[in-house]
C-alpha atoms as a PDB file:
ATOM      1  CA  MET A   1     252.871 104.569 -12.875  1.00  0.00           C
ATOM      2  CA  ASN A   2     251.250 106.706 -15.571  1.00  0.00           C
ATOM      3  CA  GLU A   3     247.775 105.885 -14.188  1.00  0.00           C
ATOM      4  CA  LEU A   4     248.811 106.984 -10.698  1.00  0.00           C
ATOM      5  CA  LEU A   5     250.110 110.283 -12.074  1.00  0.00           C
ATOM      6  CA  LYS A   6     246.797 110.821 -13.915  1.00  0.00           C
ATOM      7  CA  LEU A   7     244.918 110.076 -10.693  1.00  0.00           C
ATOM      8  CA  PHE A   8     247.117 112.515  -8.735  1.00  0.00           C
ATOM      9  CA  LEU A   9     246.558 115.228 -11.353  1.00  0.00           C
ATOM     10  CA  LEU A  10     242.801 114.578 -11.348  1.00  0.00           C
ATOM     11  CA  PHE A  11     242.537 115.183  -7.609  1.00  0.00           C
ATOM     12  CA  LEU A  12     244.954 118.075  -7.776  1.00  0.00           C
ATOM     13  CA  LYS A  13     242.674 119.647 -10.418  1.00  0.00           C
ATOM     14  CA  VAL A  14     239.451 118.946  -8.505  1.00  0.00           C
ATOM     15  CA  ASN A  15     240.857 120.435  -5.324  1.00  0.00           C
ATOM     16  CA  LEU A  16     242.309 123.483  -7.073  1.00  0.00           C
ATOM     17  CA  LEU A  17     239.074 124.286  -8.940  1.00  0.00           C
ATOM     18  CA  THR A  18     236.535 123.828  -6.151  1.00  0.00           C
ATOM     19  CA  THR A  19     236.025 125.701  -2.919  1.00  0.00           C
ATOM     20  CA  SER A  20     234.775 122.996  -0.557  1.00  0.00           C
ATOM     21  CA  GLY A  21     234.225 119.283  -0.078  1.00  0.00           C
ATOM     22  CA  PRO A  22     230.568 119.363  -1.155  1.00  0.00           C
ATOM     23  CA  ALA A  23     231.370 121.568  -4.140  1.00  0.00           C
ATOM     24  CA  SER A  24     234.097 119.190  -5.258  1.00  0.00           C
ATOM     25  CA  VAL A  25     231.589 116.348  -5.513  1.00  0.00           C
ATOM     26  CA  GLY A  26     230.037 117.910  -8.635  1.00  0.00           C
ATOM     27  CA  LEU A  27     233.347 118.205 -10.455  1.00  0.00           C
ATOM     28  CA  LEU A  28     234.456 114.789  -9.240  1.00  0.00           C
ATOM     29  CA  TYR A  29     231.191 113.340 -10.567  1.00  0.00           C
ATOM     30  CA  THR A  30     231.889 114.817 -13.993  1.00  0.00           C
ATOM     31  CA  GLU A  31     235.500 113.661 -14.008  1.00  0.00           C
ATOM     32  CA  THR A  32     234.997 110.095 -12.752  1.00  0.00           C
ATOM     33  CA  VAL A  33     231.554 108.759 -13.702  1.00  0.00           C
ATOM     34  CA  GLY A  34     231.961 106.807 -16.907  1.00  0.00           C
ATOM     35  CA  TYR A  35     235.753 106.728 -16.618  1.00  0.00           C
ATOM     36  CA  ILE A  36     236.634 105.303 -13.203  1.00  0.00           C
ATOM     37  CA  LEU A  37     233.238 104.571 -11.626  1.00  0.00           C
ATOM     38  CA  ASN A  38     229.729 104.127 -12.907  1.00  0.00           C
ATOM     39  CA  GLU A  39     226.945 106.278 -11.448  1.00  0.00           C
ATOM     40  CA  GLU A  40     225.818 103.635  -8.957  1.00  0.00           C
ATOM     41  CA  GLU A  41     229.368 103.230  -7.638  1.00  0.00           C
ATOM     42  CA  PHE A  42     229.727 107.004  -7.355  1.00  0.00           C
ATOM     43  CA  VAL A  43     226.514 107.305  -5.334  1.00  0.00           C
ATOM     44  CA  GLU A  44     227.756 104.444  -3.141  1.00  0.00           C
ATOM     45  CA  ALA A  45     231.081 106.228  -2.658  1.00  0.00           C
ATOM     46  CA  VAL A  46     229.359 109.491  -1.676  1.00  0.00           C
ATOM     47  CA  GLY A  47     227.093 107.597   0.724  1.00  0.00           C
ATOM     48  CA  PHE A  48     229.928 105.752   2.404  1.00  0.00           C
ATOM     49  CA  SER A  49     232.096 108.854   2.652  1.00  0.00           C
ATOM     50  CA  SER A  50     229.195 110.754   4.242  1.00  0.00           C
ATOM     51  CA  ALA A  51     228.357 108.007   6.726  1.00  0.00           C
ATOM     52  CA  LEU A  52     231.869 107.552   8.087  1.00  0.00           C
ATOM     53  CA  PRO A  53     233.407 109.981  10.561  1.00  0.00           C
ATOM     54  CA  GLY A  54     235.959 112.407   9.173  1.00  0.00           C
ATOM     55  CA  SER A  55     236.310 114.457   6.017  1.00  0.00           C
ATOM     56  CA  ASP A  56     233.824 113.440   3.318  1.00  0.00           C
ATOM     57  CA  ALA A  57     236.023 114.823   0.551  1.00  0.00           C
ATOM     58  CA  LEU A  58     239.104 112.881   1.616  1.00  0.00           C
ATOM     59  CA  GLN A  59     237.167 109.660   2.077  1.00  0.00           C
ATOM     60  CA  LEU A  60     235.567 110.097  -1.332  1.00  0.00           C
ATOM     61  CA  ALA A  61     238.997 110.690  -2.845  1.00  0.00           C
ATOM     62  CA  MET A  62     240.339 107.515  -1.267  1.00  0.00           C
ATOM     63  CA  PHE A  63     237.302 105.517  -2.419  1.00  0.00           C
ATOM     64  CA  VAL A  64     237.720 106.702  -6.012  1.00  0.00           C
ATOM     65  CA  GLY A  65     241.490 106.288  -5.830  1.00  0.00           C
ATOM     66  CA  TYR A  66     241.140 102.745  -4.539  1.00  0.00           C
ATOM     67  CA  ALA A  67     238.680 101.911  -7.332  1.00  0.00           C
ATOM     68  CA  ALA A  68     241.169 103.253  -9.887  1.00  0.00           C
ATOM     69  CA  GLY A  69     244.399 101.828  -8.508  1.00  0.00           C
ATOM     70  CA  GLY A  70     244.035  99.902  -5.268  1.00  0.00           C
ATOM     71  CA  ILE A  71     245.912 101.073  -2.186  1.00  0.00           C
ATOM     72  CA  PRO A  72     248.512 103.054  -4.177  1.00  0.00           C
ATOM     73  CA  GLY A  73     245.627 104.776  -5.994  1.00  0.00           C
ATOM     74  CA  ALA A  74     243.937 105.656  -2.695  1.00  0.00           C
ATOM     75  CA  LEU A  75     247.169 107.132  -1.323  1.00  0.00           C
ATOM     76  CA  VAL A  76     247.853 109.129  -4.502  1.00  0.00           C
ATOM     77  CA  ALA A  77     244.268 110.463  -4.563  1.00  0.00           C
ATOM     78  CA  LEU A  78     244.585 111.411  -0.898  1.00  0.00           C
ATOM     79  CA  LEU A  79     247.848 113.266  -1.550  1.00  0.00           C
ATOM     80  CA  GLY A  80     246.324 115.066  -4.550  1.00  0.00           C
ATOM     81  CA  SER A  81     243.390 116.074  -2.345  1.00  0.00           C
ATOM     82  CA  ILE A  82     245.423 117.254   0.641  1.00  0.00           C
ATOM     83  CA  LEU A  83     248.176 119.159  -1.122  1.00  0.00           C
ATOM     84  CA  PRO A  84     246.205 122.020  -2.775  1.00  0.00           C
ATOM     85  CA  PRO A  85     244.060 123.026   0.209  1.00  0.00           C
ATOM     86  CA  THR A  86     247.013 122.796   2.579  1.00  0.00           C
ATOM     87  CA  VAL A  87     249.227 125.058   0.486  1.00  0.00           C
ATOM     88  CA  LEU A  88     246.354 127.417  -0.331  1.00  0.00           C
ATOM     89  CA  MET A  89     245.195 127.626   3.285  1.00  0.00           C
ATOM     90  CA  LEU A  90     248.670 128.473   4.532  1.00  0.00           C
ATOM     91  CA  THR A  91     248.983 131.152   1.842  1.00  0.00           C
ATOM     92  CA  ILE A  92     245.518 132.589   2.527  1.00  0.00           C
ATOM     93  CA  VAL A  93     246.122 132.702   6.271  1.00  0.00           C
ATOM     94  CA  LEU A  94     249.299 134.680   5.707  1.00  0.00           C
ATOM     95  CA  VAL A  95     247.517 137.122   3.375  1.00  0.00           C
ATOM     96  CA  LEU A  96     244.350 137.443   5.482  1.00  0.00           C
ATOM     97  CA  GLU A  97     246.374 138.090   8.584  1.00  0.00           C
ATOM     98  CA  ARG A  98     247.609 141.249   6.841  1.00  0.00           C
ATOM     99  CA  LEU A  99     244.153 142.173   5.414  1.00  0.00           C
ATOM    100  CA  ARG A 100     242.082 141.280   8.466  1.00  0.00           C
ATOM    101  CA  GLY A 101     240.042 144.506   8.683  1.00  0.00           C
ATOM    102  CA  GLU A 102     239.269 144.975   4.968  1.00  0.00           C
ATOM    103  CA  ALA A 103     235.544 144.982   4.064  1.00  0.00           C
ATOM    104  CA  TRP A 104     236.095 143.445   0.609  1.00  0.00           C
ATOM    105  CA  VAL A 105     237.360 140.237   2.233  1.00  0.00           C
ATOM    106  CA  ARG A 106     234.019 139.721   4.032  1.00  0.00           C
ATOM    107  CA  SER A 107     232.148 140.567   0.819  1.00  0.00           C
ATOM    108  CA  PHE A 108     234.205 138.078  -1.189  1.00  0.00           C
ATOM    109  CA  VAL A 109     233.442 135.276   1.244  1.00  0.00           C
ATOM    110  CA  ALA A 110     229.732 136.183   1.234  1.00  0.00           C
ATOM    111  CA  GLY A 111     229.749 136.019  -2.572  1.00  0.00           C
ATOM    112  CA  LEU A 112     231.003 132.428  -2.506  1.00  0.00           C
ATOM    113  CA  ALA A 113     227.931 131.082  -0.688  1.00  0.00           C
ATOM    114  CA  PRO A 114     225.436 131.206  -3.616  1.00  0.00           C
ATOM    115  CA  ALA A 115     227.884 129.546  -6.012  1.00  0.00           C
ATOM    116  CA  VAL A 116     228.573 126.705  -3.581  1.00  0.00           C
ATOM    117  CA  ALA A 117     224.829 126.264  -2.990  1.00  0.00           C
ATOM    118  CA  VAL A 118     224.210 125.934  -6.738  1.00  0.00           C
ATOM    119  CA  LEU A 119     227.002 123.363  -7.055  1.00  0.00           C
ATOM    120  CA  MET A 120     225.468 121.257  -4.277  1.00  0.00           C
ATOM    121  CA  VAL A 121     221.960 121.473  -5.772  1.00  0.00           C
ATOM    122  CA  THR A 122     223.395 120.407  -9.146  1.00  0.00           C
ATOM    123  CA  VAL A 123     224.963 117.312  -7.583  1.00  0.00           C
ATOM    124  CA  VAL A 124     221.685 116.447  -5.843  1.00  0.00           C
ATOM    125  CA  TRP A 125     219.802 116.797  -9.110  1.00  0.00           C
ATOM    126  CA  LYS A 126     222.294 114.568 -10.938  1.00  0.00           C
ATOM    127  CA  ILE A 127     222.037 111.900  -8.256  1.00  0.00           C
ATOM    128  CA  ILE A 128     218.272 111.802  -7.656  1.00  0.00           C
ATOM    129  CA  GLY A 129     216.803 114.148 -10.259  1.00  0.00           C
ATOM    130  CA  ASP A 130     216.034 111.415 -12.768  1.00  0.00           C
ATOM    131  CA  ASP A 131     214.240 109.438 -10.049  1.00  0.00           C
ATOM    132  CA  LEU A 132     212.170 112.466  -9.104  1.00  0.00           C
ATOM    133  CA  VAL A 133     211.293 113.142 -12.727  1.00  0.00           C
ATOM    134  CA  ALA A 134     210.207 109.521 -13.038  1.00  0.00           C
ATOM    135  CA  ARG A 135     208.094 110.093  -9.890  1.00  0.00           C
ATOM    136  CA  ASN A 136     209.902 107.407  -7.917  1.00  0.00           C
ATOM    137  CA  TRP A 137     208.064 107.692  -4.617  1.00  0.00           C
ATOM    138  CA  VAL A 138     210.895 106.087  -2.643  1.00  0.00           C
ATOM    139  CA  ALA A 139     213.401 108.736  -3.740  1.00  0.00           C
ATOM    140  CA  ILE A 140     210.914 111.517  -3.023  1.00  0.00           C
ATOM    141  CA  VAL A 141     210.104 110.180   0.465  1.00  0.00           C
ATOM    142  CA  LEU A 142     213.774 109.633   1.328  1.00  0.00           C
ATOM    143  CA  ALA A 143     214.665 113.131   0.108  1.00  0.00           C
ATOM    144  CA  VAL A 144     211.866 114.775   2.105  1.00  0.00           C
ATOM    145  CA  LEU A 145     212.607 112.775   5.258  1.00  0.00           C
ATOM    146  CA  SER A 146     216.312 113.553   4.952  1.00  0.00           C
ATOM    147  CA  PHE A 147     215.548 117.261   4.598  1.00  0.00           C
ATOM    148  CA  VAL A 148     213.260 117.206   7.636  1.00  0.00           C
ATOM    149  CA  ALA A 149     215.867 115.328   9.672  1.00  0.00           C
ATOM    150  CA  LEU A 150     218.500 117.916   8.750  1.00  0.00           C
ATOM    151  CA  GLN A 151     216.175 120.702   9.893  1.00  0.00           C
ATOM    152  CA  LEU A 152     215.766 118.846  13.201  1.00  0.00           C
ATOM    153  CA  LYS A 153     219.575 118.858  13.567  1.00  0.00           C
ATOM    154  CA  VAL A 154     219.976 115.090  13.169  1.00  0.00           C
ATOM    155  CA  SER A 155     223.555 114.124  12.354  1.00  0.00           C
ATOM    156  CA  PRO A 156     224.123 113.886   8.572  1.00  0.00           C
ATOM    157  CA  ALA A 157     225.957 110.600   9.122  1.00  0.00           C
ATOM    158  CA  LEU A 158     222.871 109.112  10.803  1.00  0.00           C
ATOM    159  CA  ILE A 159     220.641 110.415   8.013  1.00  0.00           C
ATOM    160  CA  VAL A 160     222.807 108.805   5.336  1.00  0.00           C
ATOM    161  CA  LEU A 161     222.980 105.548   7.289  1.00  0.00           C
ATOM    162  CA  ALA A 162     219.197 105.495   7.812  1.00  0.00           C
ATOM    163  CA  ALA A 163     218.561 106.280   4.133  1.00  0.00           C
ATOM    164  CA  GLY A 164     220.900 103.479   3.097  1.00  0.00           C
ATOM    165  CA  LEU A 165     219.141 101.007   5.382  1.00  0.00           C
ATOM    166  CA  ALA A 166     215.768 102.183   4.073  1.00  0.00           C
ATOM    167  CA  GLY A 167     217.089 101.699   0.545  1.00  0.00           C
ATOM    168  CA  ILE A 168     217.920  98.077   1.345  1.00  0.00           C
ATOM    169  CA  VAL A 169     214.325  97.489   2.366  1.00  0.00           C
ATOM    170  CA  LEU A 170     212.527  99.681  -0.155  1.00  0.00           C
ATOM    171  CA  TYR A 171     214.570  99.088  -3.334  1.00  0.00           C
ATOM    172  CA  ARG A 172     214.360  95.290  -3.420  1.00  0.00           C
END
């Protein structure tokens, strides 16, 4: 039971300290790699959660939760992930409804964008940065092709699936 409480608190913390699903991946990486999952398992979890339909963050939480404590762990991680944003969103909606016309609200939201972008770039660097430094041509090609596909408005789920299939062939 103590492990489930720790898992709940971990996801409560991650979802209270981050502003979006992609931003939470960086903190979740720091909190889980080496403790619950190894780096390869974490990358696998991010890939699977991105390829499946639905919320990436919730699927990632369930994957990590399942790895830590089976089905009860997945459910506890899911609850820890859903609770903070639900309560915060209801609170924010009530407050923003009253402050709808204020200019500082728009400015605050605009200020969040650069911080979230840096968090996502940091996660990318942690996942493939070492490969790029080592000049791993497969990682470079997959990264460039993925970027191009995103610019062409290809579904991120299809990009992740295609990259995974390419990895099967190219990383033998």
